[in-house]
Amino acid sequence: MTNTQMNIDRITFSLPHTLNKSLDALKDELKRSKSEIIKMAIENYIEHQNKQKLQKAVALMADEYKNNDDLTALTTLDSESFQ
């Protein structure tokens, strides 16, 4: 068994027939295996979910910054010259 094979988990799942047919057509069109297409789809989905989590965290932090006087107390100093 090669190193690459040892790092791969084999899973089984079910798809609606119409989705499987669409996957078959895409496989033929892209000249890739179903496994490759599904792997790419899952990677893209996970990346999208991670971006959404990050966007939510940024929005919460921005809201906290705007509404927390302790965080914005020195903001007026940002535009002052200290020469």
Protein backbone atom coordinates (compact mmCIF):
# COMPACT_ATOMS: atom_id res chain seq x y z
CA MET A 1 0.00 0.00 0.00
CA THR A 2 1.41 3.42 -0.97
CA ASN A 3 1.52 6.45 1.31
CA THR A 4 -1.19 8.11 -0.77
CA GLN A 5 -3.57 5.20 -0.29
CA MET A 6 -2.99 5.16 3.47
CA ASN A 7 -4.18 8.80 3.72
CA ILE A 8 -7.52 8.16 2.01
CA ASP A 9 -10.73 7.10 3.73
CA ARG A 10 -13.27 5.21 1.69
CA ILE A 11 -16.83 6.26 2.43
CA THR A 12 -20.21 5.20 1.13
CA PHE A 13 -23.21 7.47 0.75
CA SER A 14 -26.45 7.64 -1.19
CA LEU A 15 -27.52 10.13 -3.84
CA PRO A 16 -30.88 10.68 -5.47
CA HIS A 17 -30.94 8.99 -8.88
CA THR A 18 -31.24 12.28 -10.77
CA LEU A 19 -28.21 13.74 -8.98
CA ASN A 20 -26.20 10.61 -9.73
CA LYS A 21 -27.14 10.87 -13.42
CA SER A 22 -26.03 14.51 -13.44
CA LEU A 23 -22.77 13.47 -11.78
CA ASP A 24 -22.26 10.79 -14.45
CA ALA A 25 -22.73 13.38 -17.20
CA LEU A 26 -20.35 15.80 -15.49
CA LYS A 27 -17.77 13.03 -15.03
CA ASP A 28 -17.83 12.31 -18.76
CA GLU A 29 -17.73 15.99 -19.66
CA LEU A 30 -14.81 16.81 -17.37
CA LYS A 31 -13.00 13.51 -17.90
CA ARG A 32 -12.63 13.13 -14.12
CA SER A 33 -13.77 10.45 -11.74
CA LYS A 34 -16.85 10.81 -9.57
CA SER A 35 -14.55 10.71 -6.55
CA GLU A 36 -12.53 13.67 -7.85
CA ILE A 37 -15.67 15.71 -8.54
CA ILE A 38 -17.20 14.93 -5.15
CA LYS A 39 -13.89 15.70 -3.40
CA MET A 40 -13.70 19.06 -5.18
CA ALA A 41 -17.31 19.84 -4.30
CA ILE A 42 -16.75 19.04 -0.63
CA GLU A 43 -13.54 21.11 -0.54
CA ASN A 44 -15.38 24.06 -2.09
CA TYR A 45 -18.27 23.67 0.34
CA ILE A 46 -15.95 23.57 3.36
CA GLU A 47 -14.04 26.63 2.07
CA HIS A 48 -17.35 28.47 1.60
CA GLN A 49 -18.49 27.56 5.12
CA ASN A 50 -15.17 28.72 6.60
CA LYS A 51 -15.46 32.05 4.75
CA GLN A 52 -19.00 32.50 6.09
CA LYS A 53 -17.80 31.82 9.64
CA LEU A 54 -15.02 34.36 9.22
CA GLN A 55 -17.42 36.96 7.79
CA LYS A 56 -19.75 36.47 10.76
CA ALA A 57 -16.86 36.85 13.20
CA VAL A 58 -15.70 40.03 11.45
CA ALA A 59 -19.23 41.45 11.53
CA LEU A 60 -19.51 40.69 15.25
CA MET A 61 -16.14 42.27 15.94
CA ALA A 62 -17.02 45.37 13.90
CA ASP A 63 -20.32 45.70 15.74
CA GLU A 64 -18.55 45.29 19.09
CA TYR A 65 -16.00 47.93 18.10
CA LYS A 66 -18.71 50.42 17.06
CA ASN A 67 -20.79 49.90 20.18
CA ASN A 68 -18.11 49.58 22.85
CA ASP A 69 -17.01 52.96 24.17
CA ASP A 70 -13.93 51.44 25.78
CA LEU A 71 -12.70 50.32 22.37
CA THR A 72 -13.38 53.62 20.64
CA ALA A 73 -12.35 56.02 23.43
CA LEU A 74 -9.02 56.85 21.78
CA THR A 75 -10.31 56.95 18.20
CA THR A 76 -10.22 60.74 18.12
CA LEU A 77 -6.47 60.57 18.69
CA ASP A 78 -6.02 58.61 15.45
CA SER A 79 -6.27 61.77 13.36
CA GLU A 80 -4.11 63.97 15.58
CA SER A 81 -0.53 64.75 14.77
CA PHE A 82 1.97 63.91 17.54
CA GLN A 83 4.80 66.11 16.33
